[in-house]
Every structure is written in C-alpha cells, then in structure tokens.
Amino acid sequence: MMIEIGRNVRYFRQYKDEVEFSKDNGFVFVQIWYDKNGIGLQKDSEPRLKAIKDTDYKSIIHAVLDINEFEKHIPILKTMMCELKHKDIIIHPICQSEDINEFTIYKLSRKVGYALDEFSSIGVKLYLENNSKIDPIFTTTKEIQIMFEENKELEFLLDVAHIDDYNHLKEMINIKMPKILHIADRHFDVIHEHLPLGCGEIDYELVLDILKGFSGKLILEIDQSDEDIIRSKQLIEKIINKN
C-alpha cells in the first residue's frame, strides 16, 4: 500500500504550531477547514492564507458547503487554489438551507458538476465526502451512485466514521473506490462521532481488508489531545504495515 498520512489542523490552535506538531510526528500533510466564514483558523490573525503559505507545508482545503452556497464560494475557492498552488480540494456537502427530499441529490449533483468544471479548468481535482445520517445528503448508496454516474471525473473521499455499517462501506466502494479516507473512531449507535482510534467500535483491520488495494491519502480527523492523535497514527500505521 502506498498511503500518505495527514491530519486535520485543530481550529483552536495556531496554524504554525499545528504544522510543527505534524512535522515532528511524521504527518505528510495537513487538512484545513473552510466554510461560509472562510478559513477556519480562529487563533491566527488575518490574512490566514499568508499563515498557510508562510509555513511552506503540504496542505489540502476541506470546504464545508451548503447546497445553496456553491455559486458564492466556488469562485473564492478557485482563486484560493491558484494562490496556494493546490492541485486537490475536498468538498463536504451539507443541506441545511432547505428540506431534503428524493430530488435534492439531483440538485446537489448539478452544483457539484459546476464545481467540477470550475476546478478542472485550473487543473484541480475535486473530492466529494460522504455524509453521516446527521446530514442526510450524499449518504445512501443510491445517492452516491447518482452522484458518480452524473459526474464521471469526480473523486471520492470516504469518511469511515460516517458509514452505517460494514455492508454500507462495501456497497459504497463497489460504486467508486475512494482516493482519500477520513478516519476516526465511533460507536455505531451514535449518529455522528469522531473519537481517537481504539475508543469506539470501528474495526480498522476489517476496514482496510475491505478496502484492499487502497492507495492514496489517509486523514486523521481527530481534535482531541496530542497524545490521542499520536496513538491513533501509531495504531493505523501498525494495521497498514500488517497488510
């Protein structure tokens, strides 16, 4: 397996400190939160883009966008990709501005198609993240099938902590093999949870066995202590090295 391990930066710490922690502990890159309020680095003073560029450390933007925010934020993100010289971007779609029904996935697919065209025009690859039932859009196997049938060049980011069960995981990867994984632990009777590895019920040995042949980026989405993050990285590396 050729796997690069990264992690999400914690919004409540300075970016440069998160980068130093990541470097010291062998992470290859960091993931940076973006939403309607901009880059989620609350401890850094403006301009936040400068803080990212000044560290000269590999990063990827994770943009949480409501279905009705694409037209406003895709042009902003497109400019940001050029300034940061990024070649990949993650969109985590949500739908809180309107009710979700059986047709909503088709509307989201059109919005994603627009984003895909915009990013493709500057050589940026778009990854779309599956949701848990707490944000029930781009969640079910049927919705995932529709999205990738309508957007052939779209890449898949699979958040393992968002799966319903292991059968759901198998069904999703039969539609599209992910190129990026978000990993954290969770109890299956809790709708949405991101715990350090080993603190929930997800069997990552089984997950990587189901994802046999996975090659790409793996991002720890854990906001707890330094020790929790280090232990989680050690645990997943141990499992990767077994396979």
Protein backbone atom coordinates (compact mmCIF):
# COMPACT_ATOMS: atom_id res chain seq x y z
CA MET A 1 0.00 0.00 0.00
CA MET A 2 1.19 3.49 -0.89
CA ILE A 3 -0.53 5.63 1.72
CA GLU A 4 0.21 9.21 2.81
CA ILE A 5 -0.98 10.01 6.33
CA GLY A 6 -2.18 13.52 7.14
CA ARG A 7 -4.35 15.10 9.81
CA ASN A 8 -6.85 17.91 10.28
CA VAL A 9 -5.49 21.02 11.99
CA ARG A 10 -7.30 21.97 15.18
CA TYR A 11 -9.04 25.34 14.76
CA PHE A 12 -8.33 26.33 18.38
CA ARG A 13 -4.53 26.23 17.94
CA GLN A 14 -2.25 28.42 15.85
CA TYR A 15 -1.58 27.03 12.40
CA LYS A 16 2.21 27.20 12.72
CA ASP A 17 2.01 25.18 15.96
CA GLU A 18 -0.19 22.56 14.31
CA VAL A 19 2.26 22.32 11.40
CA GLU A 20 5.23 21.90 13.76
CA PHE A 21 3.36 19.16 15.65
CA SER A 22 2.56 17.45 12.35
CA LYS A 23 6.17 17.64 11.16
CA ASP A 24 7.51 16.35 14.49
CA ASN A 25 5.20 13.34 14.36
CA GLY A 26 5.68 12.26 10.77
CA PHE A 27 2.49 13.51 9.13
CA VAL A 28 2.94 14.24 5.42
CA PHE A 29 0.32 17.00 5.14
CA VAL A 30 -2.48 18.80 6.98
CA GLN A 31 -6.15 19.38 6.22
CA ILE A 32 -7.57 22.90 6.69
CA TRP A 33 -11.24 23.64 7.38
CA TYR A 34 -13.14 26.14 5.21
CA ASP A 35 -16.81 27.14 5.40
CA LYS A 36 -19.03 30.17 4.68
CA ASN A 37 -16.96 32.15 7.19
CA GLY A 38 -13.71 31.42 5.37
CA ILE A 39 -10.63 29.50 6.53
CA GLY A 40 -11.19 28.02 9.99
CA LEU A 41 -8.06 29.14 11.80
CA GLN A 42 -9.54 31.22 14.58
CA LYS A 43 -6.28 31.60 16.53
CA ASP A 44 -4.47 33.12 13.54
CA SER A 45 -4.82 36.79 12.71
CA GLU A 46 -5.63 37.83 9.14
CA PRO A 47 -4.58 37.12 6.49
CA ARG A 48 -4.96 33.39 7.06
CA LEU A 49 -3.78 32.49 3.58
CA LYS A 50 -0.44 34.07 4.45
CA ALA A 51 -0.15 31.87 7.55
CA ILE A 52 -0.63 28.80 5.33
CA LYS A 53 1.80 29.93 2.64
CA ASP A 54 4.48 31.06 5.09
CA THR A 55 4.86 27.58 6.62
CA ASP A 56 5.56 26.02 3.19
CA TYR A 57 3.99 22.74 4.36
CA LYS A 58 1.77 20.49 2.24
CA SER A 59 -1.94 21.09 2.87
CA ILE A 60 -5.41 20.41 1.48
CA ILE A 61 -8.57 22.51 1.90
CA HIS A 62 -11.71 20.81 3.29
CA ALA A 63 -14.65 23.04 2.30
CA VAL A 64 -17.98 22.50 4.03
CA LEU A 65 -20.57 23.96 1.65
CA ASP A 66 -24.34 24.08 1.87
CA ILE A 67 -26.15 23.15 -1.35
CA ASN A 68 -27.02 26.84 -1.84
CA GLU A 69 -23.51 28.19 -1.16
CA PHE A 70 -21.72 26.78 -4.21
CA GLU A 71 -22.22 29.78 -6.53
CA LYS A 72 -20.77 32.19 -3.96
CA HIS A 73 -17.88 30.10 -2.66
CA ILE A 74 -16.59 28.10 -5.63
CA PRO A 75 -15.09 31.25 -7.27
CA ILE A 76 -13.48 32.18 -3.92
CA LEU A 77 -12.06 28.68 -3.54
CA LYS A 78 -10.88 28.66 -7.15
CA THR A 79 -8.84 31.82 -6.53
CA MET A 80 -7.51 30.28 -3.30
CA MET A 81 -6.40 27.12 -5.11
CA CYS A 82 -4.38 29.25 -7.52
CA GLU A 83 -2.80 31.30 -4.73
CA LEU A 84 -1.88 28.20 -2.70
CA LYS A 85 -0.87 26.24 -5.82
CA HIS A 86 -3.03 23.34 -4.66
CA LYS A 87 -4.00 20.54 -7.04
CA ASP A 88 -6.67 18.89 -4.84
CA ILE A 89 -9.70 20.13 -2.91
CA ILE A 90 -12.29 18.40 -0.71
CA ILE A 91 -15.93 19.46 -0.61
CA HIS A 92 -18.08 18.22 2.25
CA PRO A 93 -21.63 18.95 1.06
CA ILE A 94 -24.43 19.74 3.51
CA CYS A 95 -28.05 20.79 3.06
CA GLN A 96 -29.32 22.94 5.92
CA SER A 97 -30.91 25.76 3.92
CA GLU A 98 -33.79 23.68 2.56
CA ASP A 99 -35.62 20.43 3.22
CA ILE A 100 -34.14 17.27 1.73
CA ASN A 101 -36.34 15.12 -0.49
CA GLU A 102 -35.82 12.48 -3.20
CA PHE A 103 -34.88 15.16 -5.76
CA THR A 104 -32.31 17.01 -3.64
CA ILE A 105 -29.46 14.72 -4.68
CA TYR A 106 -30.02 15.75 -8.32
CA LYS A 107 -29.79 19.44 -7.38
CA LEU A 108 -26.61 18.73 -5.42
CA SER A 109 -25.23 16.79 -8.38
CA ARG A 110 -25.73 19.82 -10.64
CA LYS A 111 -23.95 22.06 -8.11
CA VAL A 112 -21.09 19.57 -7.84
CA GLY A 113 -20.92 19.40 -11.65
CA TYR A 114 -20.50 23.18 -11.74
CA ALA A 115 -17.71 22.97 -9.13
CA LEU A 116 -16.06 20.11 -11.01
CA ASP A 117 -15.97 22.16 -14.23
CA GLU A 118 -14.57 25.21 -12.45
CA PHE A 119 -11.81 23.32 -10.68
CA SER A 120 -10.97 21.18 -13.71
CA SER A 121 -10.35 24.37 -15.71
CA ILE A 122 -7.39 25.17 -13.42
CA GLY A 123 -6.13 21.59 -13.04
CA VAL A 124 -7.57 20.98 -9.57
CA LYS A 125 -9.04 17.57 -8.68
CA LEU A 126 -12.30 17.61 -6.69
CA TYR A 127 -13.06 15.05 -3.96
CA LEU A 128 -16.58 14.78 -2.52
CA GLU A 129 -17.12 13.47 1.03
CA ASN A 130 -19.97 11.17 2.07
CA ASN A 131 -22.14 12.28 4.97
CA SER A 132 -23.43 10.57 8.09
CA LYS A 133 -27.16 10.46 8.85
CA ILE A 134 -26.83 13.70 10.83
CA ASP A 135 -26.51 15.48 7.43
CA PRO A 136 -28.57 13.09 5.27
CA ILE A 137 -27.44 14.10 1.77
CA PHE A 138 -24.87 12.14 -0.27
CA THR A 139 -25.25 9.44 2.37
CA THR A 140 -27.12 6.47 0.92
CA THR A 141 -25.78 4.05 -1.64
CA LYS A 142 -28.42 5.27 -4.11
CA GLU A 143 -27.35 8.92 -3.72
CA ILE A 144 -23.69 8.02 -4.12
CA GLN A 145 -24.49 6.05 -7.27
CA ILE A 146 -26.40 9.00 -8.77
CA MET A 147 -23.60 11.45 -7.96
CA PHE A 148 -20.84 9.43 -9.61
CA GLU A 149 -22.96 8.40 -12.61
CA GLU A 150 -23.61 12.09 -13.34
CA ASN A 151 -20.07 13.30 -12.55
CA LYS A 152 -17.61 10.83 -14.03
CA GLU A 153 -14.45 12.84 -13.22
CA LEU A 154 -15.41 13.38 -9.57
CA GLU A 155 -13.23 11.65 -6.96
CA PHE A 156 -14.50 10.05 -3.75
CA LEU A 157 -13.43 10.89 -0.21
CA LEU A 158 -14.83 8.21 2.07
CA ASP A 159 -15.29 9.17 5.71
CA VAL A 160 -15.20 5.85 7.55
CA ALA A 161 -16.75 7.38 10.68
CA HIS A 162 -19.84 8.23 8.56
CA ILE A 163 -20.66 4.66 7.50
CA ASP A 164 -23.86 2.95 8.70
CA ASP A 165 -22.12 -0.44 8.93
CA TYR A 166 -19.57 -2.54 7.05
CA ASN A 167 -22.10 -3.56 4.37
CA HIS A 168 -22.69 0.14 3.67
CA LEU A 169 -18.92 0.53 3.32
CA LYS A 170 -18.73 -2.37 0.84
CA GLU A 171 -21.63 -1.01 -1.22
CA MET A 172 -20.03 2.44 -1.48
CA ILE A 173 -16.63 1.22 -2.62
CA ASN A 174 -18.31 -1.03 -5.20
CA ILE A 175 -19.63 2.20 -6.75
CA LYS A 176 -16.37 4.14 -6.54
CA MET A 177 -13.06 3.32 -4.87
CA PRO A 178 -12.03 6.30 -2.73
CA LYS A 179 -8.70 8.05 -3.22
CA ILE A 180 -8.85 9.71 0.23
CA LEU A 181 -10.06 8.32 3.57
CA HIS A 182 -11.11 10.26 6.64
CA ILE A 183 -10.55 8.12 9.70
CA ALA A 184 -11.68 8.41 13.30
CA ASP A 185 -13.43 6.03 15.66
CA ARG A 186 -17.11 5.90 16.55
CA HIS A 187 -19.77 3.86 18.33
CA PHE A 188 -22.27 2.58 15.75
CA ASP A 189 -25.27 3.58 17.88
CA VAL A 190 -24.09 7.23 17.86
CA ILE A 191 -25.09 9.02 14.64
CA HIS A 192 -22.04 11.27 14.46
CA GLU A 193 -18.83 10.89 16.46
CA HIS A 194 -15.12 11.42 15.81
CA LEU A 195 -13.10 9.68 18.52
CA PRO A 196 -9.41 8.70 18.72
CA LEU A 197 -8.77 5.29 17.20
CA GLY A 198 -9.39 2.50 19.70
CA CYS A 199 -12.02 4.49 21.63
CA GLY A 200 -15.03 3.32 19.61
CA GLU A 201 -16.21 0.25 17.70
CA ILE A 202 -14.78 0.60 14.19
CA ASP A 203 -12.50 -2.30 13.30
CA TYR A 204 -9.86 -0.69 11.10
CA GLU A 205 -8.20 -4.02 10.33
CA LEU A 206 -11.52 -5.08 8.76
CA VAL A 207 -11.96 -1.68 7.07
CA LEU A 208 -8.55 -1.88 5.36
CA ASP A 209 -9.21 -5.50 4.44
CA ILE A 210 -12.48 -4.42 2.74
CA LEU A 211 -10.52 -1.59 1.09
CA LYS A 212 -7.82 -3.97 -0.08
CA GLY A 213 -5.66 -2.25 -2.64
CA PHE A 214 -6.45 1.24 -1.34
CA SER A 215 -3.71 3.67 -2.29
CA GLY A 216 -3.96 7.35 -1.55
CA LYS A 217 -4.30 9.83 1.28
CA LEU A 218 -5.49 8.96 4.76
CA ILE A 219 -6.52 11.86 7.02
CA LEU A 220 -6.92 11.53 10.79
CA GLU A 221 -9.94 13.65 11.76
CA ILE A 222 -9.29 13.81 15.47
CA ASP A 223 -9.50 17.02 17.54
CA GLN A 224 -8.52 15.62 20.92
CA SER A 225 -5.13 15.73 22.63
CA ASP A 226 -1.67 15.43 21.08
CA GLU A 227 -1.33 12.03 22.74
CA ASP A 228 -4.63 10.82 21.23
CA ILE A 229 -3.50 11.89 17.77
CA ILE A 230 -0.08 10.25 18.10
CA ARG A 231 -1.60 7.00 19.41
CA SER A 232 -4.16 6.96 16.60
CA LYS A 233 -1.42 7.40 14.00
CA GLN A 234 0.63 4.60 15.55
CA LEU A 235 -2.40 2.31 15.57
CA ILE A 236 -3.31 2.86 11.92
CA GLU A 237 0.35 2.53 10.84
CA LYS A 238 0.53 -0.80 12.65
CA ILE A 239 -2.55 -2.01 10.76
CA ILE A 240 -1.23 -0.71 7.42
CA ASN A 241 2.11 -2.45 7.93
CA LYS A 242 0.31 -5.75 8.63
CA ASN A 243 -1.44 -5.72 5.26
